């Protein structure tokens, strides 16, 4: 059988696999094909999952397999092995609960919300009014600005290298006496401190007599070497070291951007999306990296140590427009820290939409909380100083990601995957009131001296019914949390709300389900407003 006939033999839900529409997540599928080939072993594999040998249906000789992608999305190889021969097709799985456009928007919002949080936390301890500063920018969308900064820095390096600032540099060296034609007064005054060598008797008798101290009849002595000073022009100055630091920092950011682009290209390929735009960006990234390497190799900068700090502009920066532009570029880089790309969160879209949705809800909640108090502590980001200020997103579980001091003197703590230990709520402190471990996704604990502590529980559920509502069994979780999480023997929740990507809310007092997507956050914002601005004593 030729390749064309083989490739057309596999059916998915009764349609040719080569012509079938993409499968939606959680959609069960049946793959069938007519028996063919030679060999006792027949197996089918989708991605890394081995479906094993086919099943047979009474009265139907076709080979049959069933598979459910669950929450996995992307492009999966389908490999049929018959004996020593194999055939390969491609199967695409797309999101079902979120339209593909919403899926892409969610990916952008995860990065944009993290960027907004970084800017808010880096800019000051007090959150800005009006909620999170979520913008349309993602890490990829910041590339045009970075590319413009690279070209500006390269042009500055070339302009400065053509006529660099020169400074006189005095050097002191020790040279053998026989290499010197003249000796200045400072060197003569220092002769007595230098090591002396005896001069042979036959060497310059007249000089011997001059060198001999009064009454001495032996040979005279001369210094073996003399310390002399010289002055030469040098390009090693703070301004040029700062230029080297700017070039190095941009080179690091360009390298990180290349990794982002590569990861995005892989994600788009696996999701069956076009990657043409990413390839264009990659060409620009490679061009920028080449230009920066050439700038680093300029004689002016080659081997020069990099400076990363400049408190105030120098005299040269104030009077030479080239160096003034350099200072402005350094300031702009300093004011825009680089968000590190090694966070595992960026790779979640490839296979784990529920976790992506859950952590977007967490980041959005964290950004929204900033307006309700002053940040005393944060562990959302780890801050490093290599090549300038680098922030790495870290979402640690069961520890405070944010601690806010509220205007009423209380504290609000934000947790991710907070663990309430069995029966621990009957003692002094937080815990579960029943004999089971409870782990809600997002928790805000409110504590104020003299008042009973309370908590707001948010649980992200990537589930939705055909009518846009949440399944009833998912709501059971909310009621369980409502009575199970407590403090010092008493229930201590001011509300339990499930967040899901649907359209129909469920409101039942302080328990319910809120449709929550990047364009639909008003209901969740209202809940935060009510809980955070209400004194714990009245709850």
Protein backbone atom coordinates (compact mmCIF):
# COMPACT_ATOMS: atom_id res chain seq x y z
CA UNK A 1 0.00 0.00 0.00
CA UNK A 2 1.48 3.37 -0.96
CA UNK A 3 1.89 6.33 1.42
CA UNK A 4 -1.19 8.19 0.09
CA UNK A 5 -3.47 5.21 0.69
CA UNK A 6 -1.98 4.63 4.12
CA UNK A 7 -2.37 8.26 5.21
CA UNK A 8 -6.07 8.26 4.21
CA UNK A 9 -6.99 5.07 6.07
CA UNK A 10 -7.34 6.46 9.63
CA UNK A 11 -10.77 7.82 10.63
CA UNK A 12 -11.64 9.99 13.61
CA UNK A 13 -15.31 9.91 14.64
CA UNK A 14 -16.12 8.68 11.14
CA UNK A 15 -14.15 11.37 9.27
CA UNK A 16 -10.78 11.09 7.60
CA UNK A 17 -8.18 12.19 10.12
CA UNK A 18 -6.33 14.16 7.45
CA UNK A 19 -9.44 16.26 6.73
CA UNK A 20 -11.07 16.35 10.17
CA UNK A 21 -11.70 19.52 12.14
CA UNK A 22 -9.60 20.10 15.28
CA UNK A 23 -10.77 18.24 18.36
CA UNK A 24 -11.86 20.19 21.42
CA UNK A 25 -10.44 19.47 24.85
CA UNK A 26 -12.37 16.86 26.85
CA UNK A 27 -14.03 15.69 23.62
CA UNK A 28 -13.99 11.87 23.47
CA UNK A 29 -12.93 10.54 20.08
CA UNK A 30 -12.92 7.17 18.35
CA UNK A 31 -10.19 6.29 15.86
CA UNK A 32 -10.74 3.47 13.40
CA UNK A 33 -8.94 1.98 10.43
CA UNK A 34 -9.12 -1.16 8.33
CA UNK A 35 -6.73 -3.98 9.23
CA UNK A 36 -3.64 -3.89 7.03
CA UNK A 37 0.07 -4.70 7.04
CA UNK A 38 1.83 -7.72 8.34
CA UNK A 39 2.87 -8.44 11.88
CA UNK A 40 1.40 -9.72 15.11
CA UNK A 41 1.85 -6.44 17.02
CA UNK A 42 -0.54 -3.51 16.44
CA UNK A 43 -0.36 -0.44 18.67
CA UNK A 44 -1.50 3.20 18.50
CA UNK A 45 0.21 6.10 20.26
CA UNK A 46 -1.03 9.69 20.58
CA UNK A 47 1.69 12.02 21.77
CA UNK A 48 3.37 10.21 24.65
CA UNK A 49 0.28 8.15 25.54
CA UNK A 50 0.25 4.53 24.39
CA UNK A 51 -3.31 3.38 23.61
CA UNK A 52 -2.13 -0.17 23.08
CA UNK A 53 -3.72 -2.76 20.85
CA UNK A 54 -7.07 -2.07 19.12
CA UNK A 55 -10.43 -3.33 20.29
CA UNK A 56 -12.88 -5.08 17.98
CA UNK A 57 -16.63 -4.66 17.73
CA UNK A 58 -18.93 -7.55 16.93
CA UNK A 59 -19.66 -7.53 13.22
CA UNK A 60 -17.06 -4.83 12.51
CA UNK A 61 -13.57 -5.92 11.46
CA UNK A 62 -12.05 -2.44 11.80
CA UNK A 63 -9.43 -1.66 14.42
CA UNK A 64 -10.80 0.71 17.03
CA UNK A 65 -9.33 2.96 19.76
CA UNK A 66 -10.94 5.57 22.03
CA UNK A 67 -9.16 8.60 23.53
CA UNK A 68 -9.98 11.74 25.50
CA UNK A 69 -7.49 14.65 25.42
CA UNK A 70 -8.87 15.95 28.73
CA UNK A 71 -7.35 19.39 29.34
CA UNK A 72 -4.41 18.93 26.95
CA UNK A 73 -4.23 21.19 23.93
CA UNK A 74 -1.89 21.49 20.98
CA UNK A 75 -0.71 19.35 18.09
CA UNK A 76 -0.19 15.63 18.82
CA UNK A 77 1.45 13.00 16.60
CA UNK A 78 -0.71 9.91 16.01
CA UNK A 79 1.54 6.90 15.33
CA UNK A 80 0.16 3.51 14.25
CA UNK A 81 2.64 0.64 14.47
CA UNK A 82 1.94 -2.63 12.68
CA UNK A 83 4.79 -5.05 13.14
CA UNK A 84 7.94 -3.28 11.95
CA UNK A 85 6.05 -0.62 9.95
CA UNK A 86 4.55 2.63 11.23
CA UNK A 87 2.34 5.44 9.94
CA UNK A 88 2.05 8.95 11.37
CA UNK A 89 -0.72 11.56 11.32
CA UNK A 90 -1.22 14.85 13.19
CA UNK A 91 -4.14 15.59 15.54
CA UNK A 92 -4.90 19.12 16.77
CA UNK A 93 -6.72 19.77 20.06
CA UNK A 94 -8.02 23.30 20.74
CA UNK A 95 -9.60 24.86 23.86
CA UNK A 96 -13.35 24.38 24.17
CA UNK A 97 -14.40 26.47 27.15
CA UNK A 98 -12.40 29.49 26.09
CA UNK A 99 -12.62 30.48 22.45
CA UNK A 100 -9.22 30.48 20.76
CA UNK A 101 -9.18 34.30 20.79
CA UNK A 102 -9.87 34.29 24.53
CA UNK A 103 -7.21 31.64 24.99
CA UNK A 104 -4.61 33.88 23.33
CA UNK A 105 -5.85 36.86 25.34
CA UNK A 106 -5.47 34.90 28.58
CA UNK A 107 -1.84 34.12 27.73
CA UNK A 108 -1.15 37.80 27.13
CA UNK A 109 -2.94 38.84 30.31
CA UNK A 110 -0.91 36.46 32.49
CA UNK A 111 2.29 38.15 31.34
CA UNK A 112 0.81 41.66 31.28
CA UNK A 113 -0.59 41.32 34.81
CA UNK A 114 2.76 40.05 36.09
CA UNK A 115 4.43 43.03 34.41
CA UNK A 116 1.93 45.45 35.99
CA UNK A 117 2.55 43.89 39.40
CA UNK A 118 6.29 44.21 38.97
CA UNK A 119 6.02 47.88 38.07
CA UNK A 120 3.64 48.59 40.96
CA UNK A 121 5.80 46.80 43.54
CA UNK A 122 9.02 48.25 42.13
CA UNK A 123 7.66 51.78 41.99
CA UNK A 124 6.67 52.07 45.63
CA UNK A 125 5.07 50.33 48.55
CA UNK A 126 1.61 51.86 48.12
CA UNK A 127 -0.62 50.54 45.36
CA UNK A 128 -2.10 53.01 42.91
CA UNK A 129 -5.77 53.89 43.02
CA UNK A 130 -8.12 52.32 40.52
CA UNK A 131 -7.08 48.67 40.70
CA UNK A 132 -4.41 46.82 38.76
CA UNK A 133 -2.55 48.57 35.97
CA UNK A 134 -3.25 45.81 33.48
CA UNK A 135 -2.26 46.82 29.96
CA UNK A 136 -2.29 45.20 26.56
CA UNK A 137 1.46 44.69 26.75
CA UNK A 138 3.00 41.25 26.97
CA UNK A 139 6.67 40.46 27.09
CA UNK A 140 6.69 39.97 23.33
CA UNK A 141 4.96 43.28 22.75
CA UNK A 142 7.79 45.09 24.54
CA UNK A 143 10.26 43.97 21.86
CA UNK A 144 9.86 47.01 19.53
CA UNK A 145 10.86 49.34 22.39
CA UNK A 146 13.83 47.15 23.29
CA UNK A 147 14.93 46.96 19.66
CA UNK A 148 14.79 50.76 19.44
CA UNK A 149 16.93 51.05 22.59
CA UNK A 150 19.48 48.64 21.11
CA UNK A 151 19.83 50.64 17.90
CA UNK A 152 20.13 53.86 19.90
CA UNK A 153 22.85 52.35 22.13
CA UNK A 154 24.80 51.01 19.14
CA UNK A 155 24.67 54.41 17.41
CA UNK A 156 25.86 56.11 20.61
CA UNK A 157 28.74 53.66 20.97
CA UNK A 158 29.87 54.31 17.40
CA UNK A 159 29.58 58.10 17.77
CA UNK A 160 31.54 58.12 21.04
CA UNK A 161 34.17 55.73 19.67
CA UNK A 162 34.92 58.13 16.78
CA UNK A 163 36.00 60.86 19.19
CA UNK A 164 36.08 59.57 22.76
CA UNK A 165 36.83 61.58 25.84
CA UNK A 166 40.51 61.29 26.80
CA UNK A 167 41.90 61.64 30.29
CA UNK A 168 45.57 61.96 31.33
CA UNK A 169 46.64 58.90 33.24
CA UNK A 170 49.84 58.90 35.33
CA UNK A 171 51.57 55.55 35.65
CA UNK A 172 54.53 54.61 37.85
CA UNK A 173 56.85 51.84 36.69
CA UNK A 174 60.21 50.40 37.68
CA UNK A 175 62.74 50.37 34.82
CA UNK A 176 66.36 49.12 34.60
CA UNK A 177 68.91 51.88 34.77
CA UNK A 178 70.45 50.98 31.43
CA UNK A 179 67.12 51.70 29.62
CA UNK A 180 66.98 55.34 30.75
CA UNK A 181 68.40 58.30 28.85
CA UNK A 182 67.46 60.88 31.46
CA UNK A 183 66.51 60.87 35.13
CA UNK A 184 64.19 63.49 36.54
CA UNK A 185 64.51 65.10 39.95
CA UNK A 186 61.82 62.93 41.57
CA UNK A 187 63.62 59.76 40.49
CA UNK A 188 66.96 61.08 41.79
CA UNK A 189 65.41 61.89 45.16
CA UNK A 190 64.16 58.31 45.39
CA UNK A 191 67.48 56.65 44.52
CA UNK A 192 68.42 55.84 48.09
CA UNK A 193 65.34 53.65 48.59
CA UNK A 194 66.11 51.42 45.56
CA UNK A 195 68.13 48.18 45.67
CA UNK A 196 71.82 48.89 44.87
CA UNK A 197 74.24 46.86 42.77
CA UNK A 198 78.01 47.16 43.16
CA UNK A 199 79.71 48.51 40.08
CA UNK A 200 82.80 46.68 38.84
CA UNK A 201 86.16 48.40 39.48
CA UNK A 202 86.90 48.68 35.77
CA UNK A 203 83.65 50.44 35.05
CA UNK A 204 83.98 54.18 34.50
CA UNK A 205 86.82 54.97 36.93
CA UNK A 206 85.84 58.59 37.04
CA UNK A 207 82.30 57.61 38.02
CA UNK A 208 83.68 55.17 40.58
CA UNK A 209 85.46 57.97 42.32
CA UNK A 210 82.30 60.08 42.36
CA UNK A 211 80.24 57.23 43.76
CA UNK A 212 82.63 56.37 46.58
CA UNK A 213 81.76 57.99 49.89
CA UNK A 214 84.44 60.15 51.45
CA UNK A 215 87.26 57.97 52.83
CA UNK A 216 85.92 54.80 51.10
CA UNK A 217 88.36 52.93 48.85
CA UNK A 218 86.11 50.09 47.58
CA UNK A 219 83.91 49.98 44.51
CA UNK A 220 80.87 52.24 44.21
CA UNK A 221 77.18 51.25 43.89
CA UNK A 222 74.40 52.15 41.49
CA UNK A 223 70.66 51.33 41.66
CA UNK A 224 69.66 48.28 39.59
CA UNK A 225 66.35 49.94 38.61
CA UNK A 226 64.69 53.29 39.07
CA UNK A 227 61.00 54.10 39.68
CA UNK A 228 59.84 56.60 37.08
CA UNK A 229 56.45 58.14 36.30
CA UNK A 230 54.92 58.81 32.92
CA UNK A 231 51.72 60.39 31.66
CA UNK A 232 49.60 59.09 28.77
CA UNK A 233 46.05 59.58 27.52
CA UNK A 234 43.45 57.01 28.57
CA UNK A 235 39.82 56.25 27.65
CA UNK A 236 39.09 54.46 30.93
CA UNK A 237 36.52 56.69 32.62
CA UNK A 238 33.12 56.35 34.31
CA UNK A 239 31.24 57.43 31.17
CA UNK A 240 32.79 54.73 28.99
CA UNK A 241 32.35 52.10 31.68
CA UNK A 242 28.68 53.08 31.89
CA UNK A 243 28.40 52.72 28.11
CA UNK A 244 29.83 49.21 28.42
CA UNK A 245 27.31 48.45 31.18
CA UNK A 246 24.41 49.64 29.01
CA UNK A 247 25.57 47.52 26.07
CA UNK A 248 25.97 44.45 28.31
CA UNK A 249 22.55 44.91 29.90
CA UNK A 250 20.88 45.27 26.52
CA UNK A 251 22.69 42.16 25.30
CA UNK A 252 21.26 40.20 28.21
CA UNK A 253 17.74 41.44 27.51
CA UNK A 254 18.04 40.62 23.83
CA UNK A 255 19.16 37.09 24.72
CA UNK A 256 16.21 36.67 27.08
CA UNK A 257 13.84 38.00 24.42
CA UNK A 258 15.18 35.39 22.00
CA UNK A 259 14.29 32.66 24.50
CA UNK A 260 10.79 34.14 24.87
CA UNK A 261 10.33 34.16 21.10
CA UNK A 262 11.51 30.57 20.78
CA UNK A 263 9.12 29.41 23.47
CA UNK A 264 6.25 31.34 21.90
CA UNK A 265 7.01 29.85 18.48
CA UNK A 266 6.93 26.34 19.94
CA UNK A 267 3.65 27.07 21.72
CA UNK A 268 2.02 28.43 18.59
CA UNK A 269 3.20 25.47 16.54
CA UNK A 270 1.79 22.99 19.05
CA UNK A 271 -1.48 24.90 19.17
CA UNK A 272 -1.80 24.92 15.38
CA UNK A 273 -1.36 28.68 15.14
CA UNK A 274 0.66 30.67 12.65
CA UNK A 275 4.18 31.60 13.72
CA UNK A 276 5.02 34.02 10.90
CA UNK A 277 5.04 37.10 13.13
CA UNK A 278 7.30 35.38 15.65
CA UNK A 279 9.78 34.47 12.91
CA UNK A 280 9.93 38.13 11.87
CA UNK A 281 10.63 39.12 15.47
CA UNK A 282 13.33 36.46 15.70
CA UNK A 283 15.10 37.94 12.68
CA UNK A 284 15.09 41.34 14.39
CA UNK A 285 16.37 39.77 17.62
CA UNK A 286 19.26 38.08 15.80
CA UNK A 287 20.15 41.36 14.06
CA UNK A 288 20.14 43.23 17.38
CA UNK A 289 22.35 40.59 19.00
CA UNK A 290 24.91 40.92 16.17
CA UNK A 291 25.02 44.70 16.46
CA UNK A 292 25.56 44.50 20.22
CA UNK A 293 28.43 42.03 19.83
CA UNK A 294 30.10 44.42 17.40
CA UNK A 295 29.66 47.29 19.84
CA UNK A 296 31.21 45.22 22.65
CA UNK A 297 34.22 44.53 20.39
CA UNK A 298 34.94 48.22 19.71
CA UNK A 299 38.52 49.11 20.82
CA UNK A 300 37.01 51.71 23.13
CA UNK A 301 34.96 49.08 25.02
CA UNK A 302 36.86 45.84 24.50
CA UNK A 303 38.12 44.67 27.89
CA UNK A 304 36.71 47.72 29.70
CA UNK A 305 34.96 46.94 33.03
CA UNK A 306 31.22 47.68 33.04
CA UNK A 307 29.69 50.23 35.41
CA UNK A 308 26.10 49.70 36.58
CA UNK A 309 25.58 52.80 38.74
CA UNK A 310 25.74 56.53 38.12
CA UNK A 311 24.08 58.55 40.86
CA UNK A 312 24.12 61.91 39.08
CA UNK A 313 25.17 63.02 35.60
CA UNK A 314 28.84 63.91 35.38
CA UNK A 315 30.27 67.19 34.07
CA UNK A 316 30.90 65.51 30.71
CA UNK A 317 27.31 64.23 30.56
CA UNK A 318 25.97 67.71 31.17
CA UNK A 319 28.09 69.31 28.44
CA UNK A 320 28.41 66.70 25.69
CA UNK A 321 25.14 65.67 24.03
CA UNK A 322 26.47 62.17 23.23
CA UNK A 323 27.19 61.40 26.87
CA UNK A 324 23.99 63.17 27.93
CA UNK A 325 22.04 60.77 25.68
CA UNK A 326 23.95 57.87 27.23
CA UNK A 327 22.86 58.91 30.72
CA UNK A 328 19.23 59.21 29.56
CA UNK A 329 19.37 55.72 28.02
CA UNK A 330 20.86 54.28 31.20
CA UNK A 331 18.06 55.89 33.24
CA UNK A 332 15.38 54.46 30.95
CA UNK A 333 16.83 50.96 31.32
CA UNK A 334 17.07 51.38 35.07
CA UNK A 335 13.45 52.51 35.32
CA UNK A 336 12.20 49.50 33.34
CA UNK A 337 13.44 46.34 35.12
CA UNK A 338 13.65 43.17 33.09
CA UNK A 339 11.11 40.49 33.98
CA UNK A 340 13.02 37.21 33.97
CA UNK A 341 11.73 34.49 31.65
CA UNK A 342 12.61 31.42 33.66
CA UNK A 343 9.26 31.34 35.46
CA UNK A 344 7.54 27.97 34.85
CA UNK A 345 4.31 29.95 34.40
CA UNK A 346 5.28 31.00 30.88
CA UNK A 347 5.27 27.38 29.64
CA UNK A 348 1.95 26.41 31.19
CA UNK A 349 -0.17 27.16 28.06
CA UNK A 350 1.40 24.23 26.22
CA UNK A 351 -0.53 21.58 28.13
CA UNK A 352 -2.23 22.86 31.28
CA UNK A 353 -5.01 25.36 30.71
CA UNK A 354 -6.64 24.89 34.15
CA UNK A 355 -3.40 25.87 35.92
CA UNK A 356 -2.92 28.79 33.56
CA UNK A 357 -6.42 30.04 34.36
CA UNK A 358 -5.91 29.48 38.09
CA UNK A 359 -2.67 31.43 38.20
CA UNK A 360 -4.03 34.27 36.10
CA UNK A 361 -6.81 34.59 38.70
CA UNK A 362 -4.14 34.70 41.41
CA UNK A 363 -2.08 37.39 39.68
CA UNK A 364 -5.14 39.50 38.94
CA UNK A 365 -6.23 39.26 42.59
CA UNK A 366 -2.75 40.25 43.77
CA UNK A 367 -2.72 43.29 41.49
CA UNK A 368 -6.21 44.30 42.66
CA UNK A 369 -5.26 44.14 46.34
CA UNK A 370 -2.60 46.83 46.02
CA UNK A 371 -5.14 49.63 46.32
CA UNK A 372 -6.34 48.43 49.73
CA UNK A 373 -3.21 49.03 51.76
CA UNK A 374 0.53 49.47 51.99
CA UNK A 375 2.77 46.59 50.98
CA UNK A 376 4.83 45.43 53.96
CA UNK A 377 6.16 42.25 52.39
CA UNK A 378 6.06 40.52 49.02
CA UNK A 379 7.36 37.17 47.78
CA UNK A 380 5.72 37.21 44.36
CA UNK A 381 9.02 38.21 42.82
CA UNK A 382 12.62 37.38 43.56
CA UNK A 383 14.82 40.39 42.80
CA UNK A 384 18.37 39.97 41.53
CA UNK A 385 20.98 42.48 40.43
CA UNK A 386 22.84 40.68 37.64
CA UNK A 387 23.12 42.99 34.62
CA UNK A 388 20.85 45.47 36.37
CA UNK A 389 17.56 44.79 38.12
CA UNK A 390 16.03 41.42 37.24
CA UNK A 391 12.71 40.23 38.68
CA UNK A 392 11.78 36.54 38.60
CA UNK A 393 8.16 35.57 39.16
CA UNK A 394 7.78 32.95 41.89
CA UNK A 395 4.40 31.63 43.05
CA UNK A 396 5.28 29.78 46.23
CA UNK A 397 2.52 27.74 47.83
CA UNK A 398 1.26 28.01 51.41
CA UNK A 399 3.22 31.16 52.29
CA UNK A 400 2.22 34.84 52.14
CA UNK A 401 2.77 36.23 48.66
CA UNK A 402 1.65 39.70 49.76
CA UNK A 403 1.27 41.25 53.21
CA UNK A 404 -0.65 44.54 53.28
CA UNK A 405 -1.12 46.92 56.19
CA UNK A 406 -4.66 48.27 55.95
CA UNK A 407 -5.75 51.78 56.95
CA UNK A 408 -7.61 50.35 60.00
CA UNK A 409 -4.34 48.90 61.33
CA UNK A 410 -5.11 45.33 60.30
CA UNK A 411 -3.16 43.11 57.95
CA UNK A 412 -4.23 41.28 54.83
CA UNK A 413 -2.23 38.28 53.64
CA UNK A 414 -2.55 36.72 50.20
CA UNK A 415 -1.86 32.98 49.84
CA UNK A 416 -1.69 30.55 46.95
CA UNK A 417 -2.64 26.92 47.65
CA UNK A 418 -3.06 27.62 51.38
CA UNK A 419 -3.00 24.38 53.37
CA UNK A 420 -5.46 24.16 56.27
CA UNK A 421 -4.37 21.15 58.31
CA UNK A 422 -6.95 18.67 59.63
CA UNK A 423 -8.55 19.74 62.94
CA UNK A 424 -5.93 22.50 63.37
CA UNK A 425 -8.70 25.10 63.32
CA UNK A 426 -9.82 24.03 66.78
CA UNK A 427 -6.64 25.50 68.25
CA UNK A 428 -5.18 29.00 68.31
CA UNK A 429 -4.55 29.74 64.66
CA UNK A 430 -5.86 28.83 61.23
CA UNK A 431 -6.79 25.33 60.16
CA UNK A 432 -9.51 22.93 59.10
CA UNK A 433 -12.37 22.27 61.51
CA UNK A 434 -12.94 18.78 60.12
CA UNK A 435 -10.51 15.85 59.85
CA UNK A 436 -9.58 16.64 56.25
CA UNK A 437 -6.85 18.75 54.64
CA UNK A 438 -8.36 21.75 52.81
CA UNK A 439 -6.40 23.52 50.05
CA UNK A 440 -8.28 26.41 48.38
CA UNK A 441 -6.50 28.05 45.43
CA UNK A 442 -6.50 31.70 46.54
CA UNK A 443 -6.91 32.92 50.13
CA UNK A 444 -6.96 36.40 51.65
CA UNK A 445 -6.64 36.27 55.45
CA UNK A 446 -7.65 39.39 57.38
CA UNK A 447 -6.34 39.90 60.90
CA UNK A 448 -6.75 42.89 63.19
CA UNK A 449 -5.88 43.14 66.85
CA UNK A 450 -8.97 42.89 69.01
CA UNK A 451 -11.12 41.37 66.25
CA UNK A 452 -11.88 37.87 65.10
CA UNK A 453 -9.78 36.91 62.04
CA UNK A 454 -11.65 36.28 58.80
CA UNK A 455 -10.75 34.95 55.36
CA UNK A 456 -11.95 35.26 51.78
CA UNK A 457 -11.57 32.06 49.75
CA UNK A 458 -11.39 32.02 45.94
CA UNK A 459 -11.20 28.76 44.04
CA UNK A 460 -10.57 28.70 40.28
CA UNK A 461 -12.59 26.06 38.42
CA UNK A 462 -11.85 25.51 34.76
CA UNK A 463 -15.27 23.90 34.20
CA UNK A 464 -18.45 25.14 32.59
CA UNK A 465 -21.83 23.72 31.52
CA UNK A 466 -23.28 24.21 28.00
CA UNK A 467 -25.52 27.00 29.33
CA UNK A 468 -22.50 28.90 30.64
CA UNK A 469 -22.97 27.99 34.30
CA UNK A 470 -20.82 25.98 36.69
CA UNK A 471 -21.69 22.30 37.39
CA UNK A 472 -23.59 21.78 40.62
CA UNK A 473 -21.01 19.37 42.05
CA UNK A 474 -18.38 22.12 41.74
CA UNK A 475 -20.49 24.33 44.03
CA UNK A 476 -20.36 21.62 46.67
CA UNK A 477 -16.69 22.52 47.14
CA UNK A 478 -17.63 26.10 48.04
CA UNK A 479 -20.08 25.02 50.74
CA UNK A 480 -17.51 22.60 52.15
CA UNK A 481 -14.89 25.35 52.44
CA UNK A 482 -17.47 27.67 54.02
CA UNK A 483 -17.87 25.45 57.05
CA UNK A 484 -14.46 23.77 57.18
CA UNK A 485 -11.97 26.65 57.32
CA UNK A 486 -11.80 28.13 60.79
CA UNK A 487 -9.81 29.88 63.49
CA UNK A 488 -9.75 29.02 67.19
CA UNK A 489 -12.66 26.60 66.90
CA UNK A 490 -15.02 28.79 64.85
CA UNK A 491 -15.71 29.12 61.11
CA UNK A 492 -13.80 32.14 59.81
CA UNK A 493 -14.78 32.84 56.21
CA UNK A 494 -16.44 36.00 54.98
CA UNK A 495 -17.16 34.37 51.63
CA UNK A 496 -16.29 31.51 49.30
CA UNK A 497 -16.42 32.22 45.59
CA UNK A 498 -15.64 29.93 42.68
CA UNK A 499 -14.10 31.62 39.63
CA UNK A 500 -14.82 30.02 36.26
CA UNK A 501 -14.68 30.95 32.54
CA UNK A 502 -18.44 30.89 31.98
CA UNK A 503 -21.22 33.42 31.57
CA UNK A 504 -23.91 32.61 34.17
CA UNK A 505 -23.20 33.57 37.80
CA UNK A 506 -24.48 31.75 40.87
CA UNK A 507 -25.15 34.00 43.85
CA UNK A 508 -26.21 32.53 47.20
CA UNK A 509 -25.33 34.98 49.95
CA UNK A 510 -21.64 34.73 50.71
CA UNK A 511 -21.17 31.61 48.56
CA UNK A 512 -21.36 31.46 44.79
CA UNK A 513 -19.67 31.29 41.41
CA UNK A 514 -18.43 34.28 39.44
CA UNK A 515 -17.75 34.26 35.68
CA UNK A 516 -14.21 35.62 35.51
CA UNK A 517 -12.18 36.34 32.39
CA UNK A 518 -9.80 39.18 31.44
CA UNK A 519 -12.73 41.24 30.11
CA UNK A 520 -15.14 40.23 32.89
CA UNK A 521 -13.73 41.02 36.33
CA UNK A 522 -16.30 43.50 37.67
CA UNK A 523 -18.07 40.94 39.88
CA UNK A 524 -14.82 39.80 41.49
CA UNK A 525 -13.70 43.42 41.94
CA UNK A 526 -16.97 44.17 43.75
CA UNK A 527 -16.43 41.24 46.13
CA UNK A 528 -12.91 42.47 46.94
CA UNK A 529 -14.20 46.00 47.52
CA UNK A 530 -16.87 44.76 49.94
CA UNK A 531 -14.61 42.45 51.93
CA UNK A 532 -11.46 44.60 52.04
CA UNK A 533 -13.27 47.80 53.04
CA UNK A 534 -15.39 46.14 55.72
CA UNK A 535 -14.06 46.08 59.26
CA UNK A 536 -13.41 42.51 60.40
CA UNK A 537 -15.33 43.17 63.61
CA UNK A 538 -18.60 43.62 61.75
CA UNK A 539 -18.19 40.48 59.64
